[in-house]
C-alpha atoms as a PDB file:
ATOM      1  CA  MET A   1     -41.661  -5.467  22.543  1.00  0.00           C
ATOM      2  CA  ASN A   2     -38.275  -7.094  21.851  1.00  0.00           C
ATOM      3  CA  GLN A   3     -38.371  -5.878  18.250  1.00  0.00           C
ATOM      4  CA  LYS A   4     -39.194  -2.359  19.383  1.00  0.00           C
ATOM      5  CA  LEU A   5     -36.347  -2.400  21.910  1.00  0.00           C
ATOM      6  CA  ALA A   6     -33.928  -3.663  19.250  1.00  0.00           C
ATOM      7  CA  THR A   7     -35.007  -0.926  16.838  1.00  0.00           C
ATOM      8  CA  ILE A   8     -34.432   1.729  19.486  1.00  0.00           C
ATOM      9  CA  GLY A   9     -31.013   0.258  20.252  1.00  0.00           C
ATOM     10  CA  TYR A  10     -29.938   0.224  16.601  1.00  0.00           C
ATOM     11  CA  ALA A  11     -31.214   3.779  16.106  1.00  0.00           C
ATOM     12  CA  ALA A  12     -29.224   4.960  19.133  1.00  0.00           C
ATOM     13  CA  LEU A  13     -26.132   3.171  17.830  1.00  0.00           C
ATOM     14  CA  LEU A  14     -26.516   4.792  14.409  1.00  0.00           C
ATOM     15  CA  LEU A  15     -26.856   8.253  15.952  1.00  0.00           C
ATOM     16  CA  ALA A  16     -23.743   7.631  18.051  1.00  0.00           C
ATOM     17  CA  LEU A  17     -21.793   6.545  14.977  1.00  0.00           C
ATOM     18  CA  LEU A  18     -22.951   9.594  13.026  1.00  0.00           C
ATOM     19  CA  ALA A  19     -21.674  11.850  15.802  1.00  0.00           C
ATOM     20  CA  ALA A  20     -18.495   9.839  16.546  1.00  0.00           C
ATOM     21  CA  PRO A  21     -16.062  11.860  14.366  1.00  0.00           C
ATOM     22  CA  PHE A  22     -17.076  15.031  16.212  1.00  0.00           C
ATOM     23  CA  LEU A  23     -16.680  13.371  19.624  1.00  0.00           C
ATOM     24  CA  GLY A  24     -12.999  12.535  19.223  1.00  0.00           C
ATOM     25  CA  ALA A  25     -13.248   9.110  17.541  1.00  0.00           C
ATOM     26  CA  TYR A  26     -10.386   8.326  15.158  1.00  0.00           C
ATOM     27  CA  PRO A  27     -11.997   7.897  11.695  1.00  0.00           C
ATOM     28  CA  ILE A  28      -9.489   5.338  10.370  1.00  0.00           C
ATOM     29  CA  PHE A  29      -9.945   3.109  13.407  1.00  0.00           C
ATOM     30  CA  MET A  30     -13.728   3.398  13.165  1.00  0.00           C
ATOM     31  CA  MET A  31     -13.723   2.548   9.446  1.00  0.00           C
ATOM     32  CA  LYS A  32     -11.525  -0.477  10.078  1.00  0.00           C
ATOM     33  CA  LEU A  33     -13.998  -1.524  12.760  1.00  0.00           C
ATOM     34  CA  PHE A  34     -16.905  -1.133  10.303  1.00  0.00           C
ATOM     35  CA  CYS A  35     -15.171  -3.398   7.790  1.00  0.00           C
ATOM     36  CA  PHE A  36     -14.564  -6.132  10.352  1.00  0.00           C
ATOM     37  CA  ALA A  37     -18.121  -5.777  11.666  1.00  0.00           C
ATOM     38  CA  LEU A  38     -19.444  -6.370   8.142  1.00  0.00           C
ATOM     39  CA  PHE A  39     -17.065  -9.309   7.742  1.00  0.00           C
ATOM     40  CA  ALA A  40     -18.333 -10.849  10.993  1.00  0.00           C
ATOM     41  CA  CYS A  41     -21.987 -10.271  10.027  1.00  0.00           C
ATOM     42  CA  ALA A  42     -21.360 -11.994   6.677  1.00  0.00           C
ATOM     43  CA  PHE A  43     -19.813 -14.988   8.443  1.00  0.00           C
ATOM     44  CA  ASN A  44     -22.649 -15.080  10.991  1.00  0.00           C
ATOM     45  CA  LEU A  45     -25.170 -15.337   8.150  1.00  0.00           C
ATOM     46  CA  LEU A  46     -23.539 -18.616   7.164  1.00  0.00           C
ATOM     47  CA  PHE A  47     -22.593 -20.027  10.568  1.00  0.00           C
ATOM     48  CA  GLY A  48     -25.098 -18.473  12.947  1.00  0.00           C
ATOM     49  CA  TYR A  49     -28.220 -18.933  10.834  1.00  0.00           C
ATOM     50  CA  THR A  50     -27.357 -21.931   8.639  1.00  0.00           C
ATOM     51  CA  GLY A  51     -24.969 -23.856  10.871  1.00  0.00           C
ATOM     52  CA  LEU A  52     -22.152 -24.061   8.304  1.00  0.00           C
ATOM     53  CA  LEU A  53     -18.767 -23.463   9.937  1.00  0.00           C
ATOM     54  CA  SER A  54     -16.387 -22.101   7.320  1.00  0.00           C
ATOM     55  CA  PHE A  55     -12.665 -21.686   7.967  1.00  0.00           C
ATOM     56  CA  GLY A  56     -12.140 -20.202   4.523  1.00  0.00           C
ATOM     57  CA  HIS A  57     -13.751 -16.775   4.762  1.00  0.00           C
ATOM     58  CA  ALA A  58     -10.353 -15.085   4.742  1.00  0.00           C
ATOM     59  CA  ALA A  59     -10.148 -16.037   1.055  1.00  0.00           C
ATOM     60  CA  PHE A  60     -13.085 -13.753   0.262  1.00  0.00           C
ATOM     61  CA  LEU A  61     -11.836 -10.874   2.407  1.00  0.00           C
ATOM     62  CA  GLY A  62      -8.265 -11.009   1.109  1.00  0.00           C
ATOM     63  CA  GLY A  63      -9.077 -11.886  -2.501  1.00  0.00           C
ATOM     64  CA  ALA A  64     -11.630  -9.119  -2.904  1.00  0.00           C
ATOM     65  CA  GLY A  65      -9.174  -6.680  -1.335  1.00  0.00           C
ATOM     66  CA  TYR A  66      -6.518  -7.551  -3.918  1.00  0.00           C
ATOM     67  CA  VAL A  67      -8.961  -7.344  -6.830  1.00  0.00           C
ATOM     68  CA  THR A  68     -10.275  -3.973  -5.699  1.00  0.00           C
ATOM     69  CA  GLY A  69      -6.787  -2.614  -5.016  1.00  0.00           C
ATOM     70  CA  HIS A  70      -5.481  -3.744  -8.405  1.00  0.00           C
ATOM     71  CA  ALA A  71      -8.525  -2.324 -10.221  1.00  0.00           C
ATOM     72  CA  LEU A  72      -8.199   1.050  -8.490  1.00  0.00           C
ATOM     73  CA  LYS A  73      -4.418   1.362  -8.747  1.00  0.00           C
ATOM     74  CA  VAL A  74      -3.612  -0.220 -12.121  1.00  0.00           C
ATOM     75  CA  TRP A  75      -6.822   0.000 -14.116  1.00  0.00           C
ATOM     76  CA  GLY A  76      -7.809   3.384 -12.697  1.00  0.00           C
ATOM     77  CA  VAL A  77     -11.478   2.487 -12.245  1.00  0.00           C
ATOM     78  CA  PRO A  78     -13.675   4.693 -10.014  1.00  0.00           C
ATOM     79  CA  PRO A  79     -14.129   3.528  -6.397  1.00  0.00           C
ATOM     80  CA  GLU A  80     -17.721   2.379  -6.870  1.00  0.00           C
ATOM     81  CA  MET A  81     -16.590   0.092  -9.703  1.00  0.00           C
ATOM     82  CA  GLY A  82     -13.708  -1.192  -7.585  1.00  0.00           C
ATOM     83  CA  LEU A  83     -16.101  -2.098  -4.776  1.00  0.00           C
ATOM     84  CA  LEU A  84     -18.430  -3.849  -7.209  1.00  0.00           C
ATOM     85  CA  LEU A  85     -15.551  -5.835  -8.717  1.00  0.00           C
ATOM     86  CA  GLY A  86     -14.367  -6.920  -5.262  1.00  0.00           C
ATOM     87  CA  THR A  87     -17.881  -7.953  -4.243  1.00  0.00           C
ATOM     88  CA  ALA A  88     -18.421  -9.824  -7.520  1.00  0.00           C
ATOM     89  CA  PHE A  89     -15.093 -11.620  -7.098  1.00  0.00           C
ATOM     90  CA  GLY A  90     -16.110 -12.684  -3.581  1.00  0.00           C
ATOM     91  CA  ALA A  91     -19.428 -14.007  -4.910  1.00  0.00           C
ATOM     92  CA  LEU A  92     -17.739 -15.894  -7.777  1.00  0.00           C
ATOM     93  CA  LEU A  93     -15.148 -17.387  -5.463  1.00  0.00           C
ATOM     94  CA  GLY A  94     -17.927 -18.313  -3.046  1.00  0.00           C
ATOM     95  CA  LEU A  95     -19.792 -20.072  -5.846  1.00  0.00           C
ATOM     96  CA  VAL A  96     -16.773 -22.224  -6.700  1.00  0.00           C
ATOM     97  CA  MET A  97     -15.778 -22.977  -3.100  1.00  0.00           C
ATOM     98  CA  GLY A  98     -19.365 -23.493  -2.012  1.00  0.00           C
ATOM     99  CA  TYR A  99     -20.086 -25.916  -4.852  1.00  0.00           C
ATOM    100  CA  LEU A 100     -17.117 -28.036  -3.766  1.00  0.00           C
ATOM    101  CA  ALA A 101     -17.708 -27.748  -0.014  1.00  0.00           C
ATOM    102  CA  ILE A 102     -21.472 -28.218   0.471  1.00  0.00           C
ATOM    103  CA  LYS A 103     -21.261 -31.796  -0.758  1.00  0.00           C
ATOM    104  CA  ARG A 104     -19.829 -32.600   2.673  1.00  0.00           C
ATOM    105  CA  GLN A 105     -21.092 -31.873   6.175  1.00  0.00           C
ATOM    106  CA  GLY A 106     -19.663 -31.096   9.583  1.00  0.00           C
ATOM    107  CA  ILE A 107     -15.919 -31.084  10.037  1.00  0.00           C
ATOM    108  CA  TYR A 108     -15.384 -32.229   6.437  1.00  0.00           C
ATOM    109  CA  PHE A 109     -17.117 -29.100   5.145  1.00  0.00           C
ATOM    110  CA  THR A 110     -14.972 -26.976   7.451  1.00  0.00           C
ATOM    111  CA  MET A 111     -11.696 -28.597   6.396  1.00  0.00           C
ATOM    112  CA  ILE A 112     -12.513 -28.286   2.683  1.00  0.00           C
ATOM    113  CA  THR A 113     -13.079 -24.536   3.057  1.00  0.00           C
ATOM    114  CA  LEU A 114      -9.832 -24.219   5.023  1.00  0.00           C
ATOM    115  CA  ALA A 115      -7.853 -26.185   2.409  1.00  0.00           C
ATOM    116  CA  LEU A 116      -9.239 -24.167  -0.501  1.00  0.00           C
ATOM    117  CA  ALA A 117      -8.557 -20.885   1.297  1.00  0.00           C
ATOM    118  CA  GLN A 118      -4.953 -21.875   2.005  1.00  0.00           C
ATOM    119  CA  MET A 119      -4.459 -22.823  -1.640  1.00  0.00           C
ATOM    120  CA  LEU A 120      -5.585 -19.321  -2.581  1.00  0.00           C
ATOM    121  CA  TYR A 121      -3.288 -17.838   0.076  1.00  0.00           C
ATOM    122  CA  PHE A 122      -0.268 -19.316  -1.726  1.00  0.00           C
ATOM    123  CA  VAL A 123      -1.636 -17.959  -5.001  1.00  0.00           C
ATOM    124  CA  TRP A 124      -1.745 -14.448  -3.488  1.00  0.00           C
ATOM    125  CA  LEU A 125       1.762 -14.995  -2.116  1.00  0.00           C
ATOM    126  CA  GLN A 126       3.251 -15.696  -5.557  1.00  0.00           C
ATOM    127  CA  ALA A 127       0.989 -13.759  -7.934  1.00  0.00           C
ATOM    128  CA  PRO A 128       2.815 -10.706  -9.374  1.00  0.00           C
ATOM    129  CA  PHE A 129      -0.103  -8.271  -9.029  1.00  0.00           C
ATOM    130  CA  THR A 130      -0.447  -8.785  -5.251  1.00  0.00           C
ATOM    131  CA  GLY A 131       3.046  -7.627  -4.327  1.00  0.00           C
ATOM    132  CA  GLY A 132       3.752 -10.846  -2.440  1.00  0.00           C
ATOM    133  CA  GLU A 133       4.893 -10.336   1.138  1.00  0.00           C
ATOM    134  CA  ASP A 134       5.142  -6.577   0.572  1.00  0.00           C
ATOM    135  CA  GLY A 135       1.440  -6.345  -0.212  1.00  0.00           C
ATOM    136  CA  LEU A 136      -0.368  -4.061  -2.624  1.00  0.00           C
ATOM    137  CA  GLN A 137       0.497  -0.487  -1.610  1.00  0.00           C
ATOM    138  CA  GLY A 138      -0.628   2.986  -2.625  1.00  0.00           C
ATOM    139  CA  VAL A 139      -4.227   2.229  -3.577  1.00  0.00           C
ATOM    140  CA  PRO A 140      -5.992   5.557  -4.352  1.00  0.00           C
ATOM    141  CA  ARG A 141      -9.437   6.342  -2.989  1.00  0.00           C
ATOM    142  CA  GLY A 142     -10.560   8.543  -5.870  1.00  0.00           C
ATOM    143  CA  ARG A 143     -13.948  10.238  -6.139  1.00  0.00           C
ATOM    144  CA  LEU A 144     -17.173   8.350  -5.526  1.00  0.00           C
ATOM    145  CA  LEU A 145     -19.590   8.788  -8.456  1.00  0.00           C
ATOM    146  CA  GLY A 146     -17.294  11.600  -9.600  1.00  0.00           C
ATOM    147  CA  LEU A 147     -18.665  13.818  -6.827  1.00  0.00           C
ATOM    148  CA  LEU A 148     -17.433  12.830  -3.359  1.00  0.00           C
ATOM    149  CA  ASP A 149     -13.712  13.183  -2.731  1.00  0.00           C
ATOM    150  CA  LEU A 150     -12.842  10.121  -0.664  1.00  0.00           C
ATOM    151  CA  ARG A 151      -9.377  11.449   0.141  1.00  0.00           C
ATOM    152  CA  SER A 152     -11.086  13.249   3.000  1.00  0.00           C
ATOM    153  CA  ASP A 153     -11.237  10.892   5.989  1.00  0.00           C
ATOM    154  CA  LEU A 154     -14.514  12.446   7.126  1.00  0.00           C
ATOM    155  CA  THR A 155     -16.168  11.873   3.740  1.00  0.00           C
ATOM    156  CA  MET A 156     -14.769   8.353   3.574  1.00  0.00           C
ATOM    157  CA  TYR A 157     -16.102   7.697   7.085  1.00  0.00           C
ATOM    158  CA  TYR A 158     -19.691   8.503   6.210  1.00  0.00           C
ATOM    159  CA  VAL A 159     -19.524   6.629   2.897  1.00  0.00           C
ATOM    160  CA  THR A 160     -18.172   3.561   4.712  1.00  0.00           C
ATOM    161  CA  LEU A 161     -20.859   3.862   7.387  1.00  0.00           C
ATOM    162  CA  ALA A 162     -23.592   4.123   4.735  1.00  0.00           C
ATOM    163  CA  ILE A 163     -22.334   1.045   2.871  1.00  0.00           C
ATOM    164  CA  VAL A 164     -22.059  -1.049   6.036  1.00  0.00           C
ATOM    165  CA  VAL A 165     -25.527   0.014   7.261  1.00  0.00           C
ATOM    166  CA  LEU A 166     -27.083  -0.904   3.897  1.00  0.00           C
ATOM    167  CA  ALA A 167     -25.294  -4.268   3.920  1.00  0.00           C
ATOM    168  CA  PHE A 168     -26.481  -4.875   7.490  1.00  0.00           C
ATOM    169  CA  LEU A 169     -30.077  -4.097   6.499  1.00  0.00           C
ATOM    170  CA  LEU A 170     -29.729  -6.565   3.624  1.00  0.00           C
ATOM    171  CA  ILE A 171     -28.621  -9.263   6.075  1.00  0.00           C
ATOM    172  CA  VAL A 172     -31.585  -8.439   8.342  1.00  0.00           C
ATOM    173  CA  ARG A 173     -33.929  -8.765   5.372  1.00  0.00           C
ATOM    174  CA  ILE A 174     -32.386 -12.106   4.366  1.00  0.00           C
ATOM    175  CA  VAL A 175     -32.656 -13.520   7.876  1.00  0.00           C
ATOM    176  CA  HIS A 176     -36.320 -12.504   8.308  1.00  0.00           C
ATOM    177  CA  SER A 177     -37.426 -13.596   4.835  1.00  0.00           C
ATOM    178  CA  PRO A 178     -38.940 -17.016   3.963  1.00  0.00           C
ATOM    179  CA  PHE A 179     -35.478 -17.888   2.639  1.00  0.00           C
ATOM    180  CA  GLY A 180     -34.040 -17.120   6.077  1.00  0.00           C
ATOM    181  CA  HIS A 181     -36.596 -19.380   7.761  1.00  0.00           C
ATOM    182  CA  VAL A 182     -35.501 -22.244   5.498  1.00  0.00           C
ATOM    183  CA  LEU A 183     -31.885 -21.580   6.499  1.00  0.00           C
ATOM    184  CA  ARG A 184     -32.839 -21.874  10.159  1.00  0.00           C
ATOM    185  CA  SER A 185     -34.672 -25.114   9.503  1.00  0.00           C
ATOM    186  CA  ILE A 186     -31.536 -26.488   7.828  1.00  0.00           C
ATOM    187  CA  LYS A 187     -29.506 -25.558  10.899  1.00  0.00           C
ATOM    188  CA  GLU A 188     -32.019 -27.102  13.299  1.00  0.00           C
ATOM    189  CA  ASN A 189     -32.797 -30.298  11.398  1.00  0.00           C
ATOM    190  CA  GLU A 190     -31.592 -30.716   7.825  1.00  0.00           C
ATOM    191  CA  PRO A 191     -33.125 -34.190   7.266  1.00  0.00           C
ATOM    192  CA  ARG A 192     -36.528 -32.812   8.210  1.00  0.00           C
ATOM    193  CA  ALA A 193     -36.077 -29.861   5.817  1.00  0.00           C
ATOM    194  CA  ILE A 194     -35.284 -32.378   3.063  1.00  0.00           C
ATOM    195  CA  SER A 195     -38.379 -34.393   3.938  1.00  0.00           C
ATOM    196  CA  LEU A 196     -40.470 -31.240   3.534  1.00  0.00           C
ATOM    197  CA  GLY A 197     -39.279 -30.976  -0.056  1.00  0.00           C
ATOM    198  CA  TYR A 198     -36.503 -28.364   0.201  1.00  0.00           C
ATOM    199  CA  ASP A 199     -33.378 -28.760  -1.890  1.00  0.00           C
ATOM    200  CA  THR A 200     -31.050 -27.988   1.011  1.00  0.00           C
ATOM    201  CA  ASN A 201     -27.883 -28.071  -1.089  1.00  0.00           C
ATOM    202  CA  ARG A 202     -29.258 -25.288  -3.282  1.00  0.00           C
ATOM    203  CA  PHE A 203     -30.133 -23.181  -0.249  1.00  0.00           C
ATOM    204  CA  LYS A 204     -26.722 -23.786   1.335  1.00  0.00           C
ATOM    205  CA  LEU A 205     -24.941 -22.859  -1.872  1.00  0.00           C
ATOM    206  CA  LEU A 206     -26.959 -19.663  -2.216  1.00  0.00           C
ATOM    207  CA  VAL A 207     -26.307 -18.538   1.362  1.00  0.00           C
ATOM    208  CA  PHE A 208     -22.628 -19.418   0.933  1.00  0.00           C
ATOM    209  CA  VAL A 209     -22.447 -17.158  -2.122  1.00  0.00           C
ATOM    210  CA  LEU A 210     -24.296 -14.345  -0.312  1.00  0.00           C
ATOM    211  CA  SER A 211     -21.976 -14.617   2.688  1.00  0.00           C
ATOM    212  CA  ALA A 212     -18.919 -14.665   0.406  1.00  0.00           C
ATOM    213  CA  ALA A 213     -20.138 -11.606  -1.522  1.00  0.00           C
ATOM    214  CA  LEU A 214     -20.662  -9.622   1.687  1.00  0.00           C
ATOM    215  CA  ALA A 215     -17.258 -10.728   3.002  1.00  0.00           C
ATOM    216  CA  GLY A 216     -15.810  -9.620  -0.338  1.00  0.00           C
ATOM    217  CA  LEU A 217     -17.475  -6.237   0.080  1.00  0.00           C
ATOM    218  CA  ALA A 218     -15.854  -5.938   3.506  1.00  0.00           C
ATOM    219  CA  GLY A 219     -12.432  -6.738   2.025  1.00  0.00           C
ATOM    220  CA  ALA A 220     -12.898  -4.331  -0.879  1.00  0.00           C
ATOM    221  CA  LEU A 221     -14.004  -1.571   1.470  1.00  0.00           C
ATOM    222  CA  LYS A 222     -11.069  -2.228   3.803  1.00  0.00           C
ATOM    223  CA  THR A 223      -8.593  -1.847   0.930  1.00  0.00           C
ATOM    224  CA  LEU A 224     -10.267   1.377  -0.190  1.00  0.00           C
ATOM    225  CA  VAL A 225     -10.167   2.794   3.335  1.00  0.00           C
ATOM    226  CA  LEU A 226      -6.596   1.841   4.258  1.00  0.00           C
ATOM    227  CA  GLY A 227      -5.038   2.187   0.797  1.00  0.00           C
ATOM    228  CA  PHE A 228      -3.337  -1.203   0.827  1.00  0.00           C
ATOM    229  CA  ALA A 229      -4.036  -4.940   0.785  1.00  0.00           C
ATOM    230  CA  THR A 230      -1.831  -7.459   2.591  1.00  0.00           C
ATOM    231  CA  LEU A 231      -1.405 -11.222   2.862  1.00  0.00           C
ATOM    232  CA  SER A 232      -2.660 -11.226   6.447  1.00  0.00           C
ATOM    233  CA  ASP A 233      -6.219 -10.698   5.217  1.00  0.00           C
ATOM    234  CA  GLY A 234      -6.036 -13.950   3.246  1.00  0.00           C
ATOM    235  CA  HIS A 235      -4.316 -16.056   5.904  1.00  0.00           C
ATOM    236  CA  TRP A 236      -6.130 -18.812   7.802  1.00  0.00           C
ATOM    237  CA  SER A 237      -5.691 -16.852  11.034  1.00  0.00           C
ATOM    238  CA  MET A 238      -8.082 -14.203   9.671  1.00  0.00           C
ATOM    239  CA  SER A 239     -10.715 -16.924   9.296  1.00  0.00           C
ATOM    240  CA  GLY A 240     -10.069 -17.775  12.937  1.00  0.00           C
ATOM    241  CA  HIS A 241     -10.468 -14.112  13.840  1.00  0.00           C
ATOM    242  CA  VAL A 242     -13.927 -13.881  12.331  1.00  0.00           C
ATOM    243  CA  VAL A 243     -14.972 -17.078  14.118  1.00  0.00           C
ATOM    244  CA  LEU A 244     -13.718 -15.546  17.365  1.00  0.00           C
ATOM    245  CA  MET A 245     -15.593 -12.295  16.741  1.00  0.00           C
ATOM    246  CA  THR A 246     -18.827 -14.148  16.130  1.00  0.00           C
ATOM    247  CA  LEU A 247     -18.491 -16.455  19.137  1.00  0.00           C
ATOM    248  CA  VAL A 248     -17.552 -13.653  21.522  1.00  0.00           C
ATOM    249  CA  GLY A 249     -20.425 -11.450  20.360  1.00  0.00           C
ATOM    250  CA  GLY A 250     -23.058 -14.156  20.060  1.00  0.00           C
ATOM    251  CA  VAL A 251     -23.723 -16.712  17.322  1.00  0.00           C
ATOM    252  CA  GLY A 252     -27.083 -16.406  15.599  1.00  0.00           C
ATOM    253  CA  THR A 253     -27.804 -12.865  16.790  1.00  0.00           C
ATOM    254  CA  MET A 254     -27.826  -9.751  14.628  1.00  0.00           C
ATOM    255  CA  SER A 255     -25.982  -7.599  17.157  1.00  0.00           C
ATOM    256  CA  GLY A 256     -23.485 -10.278  18.238  1.00  0.00           C
ATOM    257  CA  PRO A 257     -20.984  -9.855  15.384  1.00  0.00           C
ATOM    258  CA  LEU A 258     -21.059  -6.081  15.896  1.00  0.00           C
ATOM    259  CA  MET A 259     -20.142  -6.466  19.564  1.00  0.00           C
ATOM    260  CA  GLY A 260     -17.606  -9.210  18.866  1.00  0.00           C
ATOM    261  CA  SER A 261     -15.777  -7.181  16.225  1.00  0.00           C
ATOM    262  CA  LEU A 262     -15.675  -4.194  18.586  1.00  0.00           C
ATOM    263  CA  VAL A 263     -14.158  -6.286  21.379  1.00  0.00           C
ATOM    264  CA  ILE A 264     -11.520  -8.016  19.233  1.00  0.00           C
ATOM    265  CA  VAL A 265     -10.490  -4.984  17.158  1.00  0.00           C
ATOM    266  CA  ALA A 266     -10.338  -2.768  20.262  1.00  0.00           C
ATOM    267  CA  ILE A 267      -8.153  -5.315  22.047  1.00  0.00           C
ATOM    268  CA  GLU A 268      -5.768  -5.603  19.101  1.00  0.00           C
ATOM    269  CA  ASN A 269      -5.410  -1.835  18.819  1.00  0.00           C
ATOM    270  CA  LYS A 270      -5.377  -0.890  22.502  1.00  0.00           C
ATOM    271  CA  VAL A 271      -3.679  -3.779  24.284  1.00  0.00           C
ATOM    272  CA  GLY A 272      -0.278  -2.073  24.033  1.00  0.00           C
ATOM    273  CA  GLU A 273      -1.626   1.044  25.770  1.00  0.00           C
ATOM    274  CA  TRP A 274      -3.295  -1.108  28.434  1.00  0.00           C
ATOM    275  CA  GLY A 275      -0.010  -2.942  29.012  1.00  0.00           C
ATOM    276  CA  ASN A 276       1.869   0.334  29.585  1.00  0.00           C
ATOM    277  CA  TRP A 277      -0.853   1.486  31.974  1.00  0.00           C
ATOM    278  CA  LEU A 278      -0.717  -1.782  33.950  1.00  0.00           C
ATOM    279  CA  ALA A 279       3.090  -1.593  34.066  1.00  0.00           C
ATOM    280  CA  GLN A 280       2.940   1.910  35.524  1.00  0.00           C
ATOM    281  CA  LEU A 281       0.216   0.932  37.985  1.00  0.00           C
ATOM    282  CA  SER A 282       1.789  -2.287  39.212  1.00  0.00           C
ATOM    283  CA  GLY A 283       5.466  -1.627  38.612  1.00  0.00           C
ATOM    284  CA  ILE A 284       5.736  -4.916  36.697  1.00  0.00           C
ATOM    285  CA  GLY A 285       7.571  -4.259  33.451  1.00  0.00           C
ATOM    286  CA  TRP A 286       6.315  -7.494  31.835  1.00  0.00           C
ATOM    287  CA  PHE A 287       2.978  -5.838  31.086  1.00  0.00           C
ATOM    288  CA  ARG A 288       4.709  -3.604  28.524  1.00  0.00           C
ATOM    289  CA  SER A 289       5.162  -6.661  26.297  1.00  0.00           C
ATOM    290  CA  LEU A 290       1.404  -7.284  26.086  1.00  0.00           C
ATOM    291  CA  GLY A 291       1.272  -5.444  22.764  1.00  0.00           C
ATOM    292  CA  GLU A 292       3.602  -8.083  21.302  1.00  0.00           C
ATOM    293  CA  SER A 293       1.509 -10.920  22.762  1.00  0.00           C
ATOM    294  CA  VAL A 294      -1.960  -9.803  21.737  1.00  0.00           C
ATOM    295  CA  THR A 295      -2.921 -13.390  20.874  1.00  0.00           C
ATOM    296  CA  ILE A 296      -2.551 -14.288  24.554  1.00  0.00           C
ATOM    297  CA  VAL A 297      -5.069 -11.613  25.483  1.00  0.00           C
ATOM    298  CA  THR A 298      -7.548 -12.551  22.747  1.00  0.00           C
ATOM    299  CA  GLY A 299      -7.186 -16.220  23.693  1.00  0.00           C
ATOM    300  CA  LEU A 300      -7.920 -15.372  27.327  1.00  0.00           C
ATOM    301  CA  ILE A 301     -10.994 -13.375  26.277  1.00  0.00           C
ATOM    302  CA  PHE A 302     -12.202 -16.339  24.235  1.00  0.00           C
ATOM    303  CA  VAL A 303     -11.749 -18.774  27.141  1.00  0.00           C
ATOM    304  CA  VAL A 304     -13.614 -16.458  29.530  1.00  0.00           C
ATOM    305  CA  CYS A 305     -16.491 -16.034  27.058  1.00  0.00           C
ATOM    306  CA  VAL A 306     -16.752 -19.789  26.485  1.00  0.00           C
ATOM    307  CA  LEU A 307     -16.836 -20.475  30.216  1.00  0.00           C
ATOM    308  CA  LEU A 308     -19.034 -17.591  31.392  1.00  0.00           C
ATOM    309  CA  PHE A 309     -20.932 -16.379  28.306  1.00  0.00           C
ATOM    310  CA  ARG A 310     -21.716 -19.480  26.276  1.00  0.00           C
ATOM    311  CA  ARG A 311     -24.206 -17.577  24.143  1.00  0.00           C
ATOM    312  CA  GLY A 312     -21.738 -14.727  23.636  1.00  0.00           C
ATOM    313  CA  VAL A 313     -21.960 -11.258  25.133  1.00  0.00           C
ATOM    314  CA  MET A 314     -25.076 -10.176  23.236  1.00  0.00           C
ATOM    315  CA  GLY A 315     -26.598 -13.642  23.407  1.00  0.00           C
ATOM    316  CA  GLU A 316     -26.435 -13.598  27.197  1.00  0.00           C
ATOM    317  CA  LEU A 317     -27.776 -10.046  27.310  1.00  0.00           C
ATOM    318  CA  ILE A 318     -30.733 -10.966  25.091  1.00  0.00           C
ATOM    319  CA  ALA A 319     -31.434 -14.061  27.231  1.00  0.00           C
ATOM    320  CA  LEU A 320     -31.322 -11.906  30.386  1.00  0.00           C
ATOM    321  CA  LEU A 321     -33.801  -9.412  28.940  1.00  0.00           C
ATOM    322  CA  GLN A 322     -36.116 -12.265  27.970  1.00  0.00           C
ATOM    323  CA  ARG A 323     -35.983 -13.706  31.502  1.00  0.00           C
ATOM    324  CA  LEU A 324     -36.754 -10.320  33.025  1.00  0.00           C
ATOM    325  CA  ARG A 325     -39.713  -9.972  30.688  1.00  0.00           C
ATOM    326  CA  ILE A 326     -41.024 -13.395  31.774  1.00  0.00           C
ATOM    327  CA  LEU A 327     -40.628 -12.473  35.429  1.00  0.00           C
ATOM    328  CA  ARG A 328     -42.737  -9.388  34.879  1.00  0.00           C
END
């Protein structure tokens, strides 16, 4: 019954997203949201289902964005090749970082990923092909497979939606496969998984690479959509953002990262408008500065979710539906 309800919910969401451009939704905002949703789902695969807290996922998002942008702008490759190069770079980087990080557990694993990501951030800052603090600008979209003109926002919207949906289905398949069950056993009790004969380090490295590749795809897609890549995508604060998205939406749930990315991205883009509205309503001019202090608002949202929704928004909703089913 729960699976059937989830399928209906995802189908309704997909139909709504297909119709969104014709209902007044801004395509660029929606595509940016798709990219962050994919980024959060990739992180949730590692943290939510394997229990590995990485503070270095910004390296995959930002690095893949630079590689894709450089390949499209300088090498003149078609967009599908640019996306593949960005994804492959994320996977390769994940292999190197994962190999170094999985030898440690807990906070040590987390700090190693953070340190490696910050090292790469300073590489992006000084490398000539990234543009430094100015970023990589003017990345062309081109034509997908030589047929679809991605310069059209509407065409780009549906291509982005298709890619994100396929990536999401891949994550669903991974989670519900025998491989996914081993990942859950590692999260629940790694010593017991080892006693059953599983090489847990191999499984953790593989899921780290998969998560990094999907995060790289999100970064590559974001660069293709927006036409630029910036240092902010590779900064440690972006790793904090994806942690926040996952926690707010619900760790270890398929729909949680989708909800979390919607909440955080919407707040970052709309908080200035909300501040003006509150200033007009209350007559307090301070609210107009909310757009400049968006971190205060996101921090408040995080505190409220931790105190009231410990499973995250979707986690609490799923738990509520399960209780109602038991009561029946």
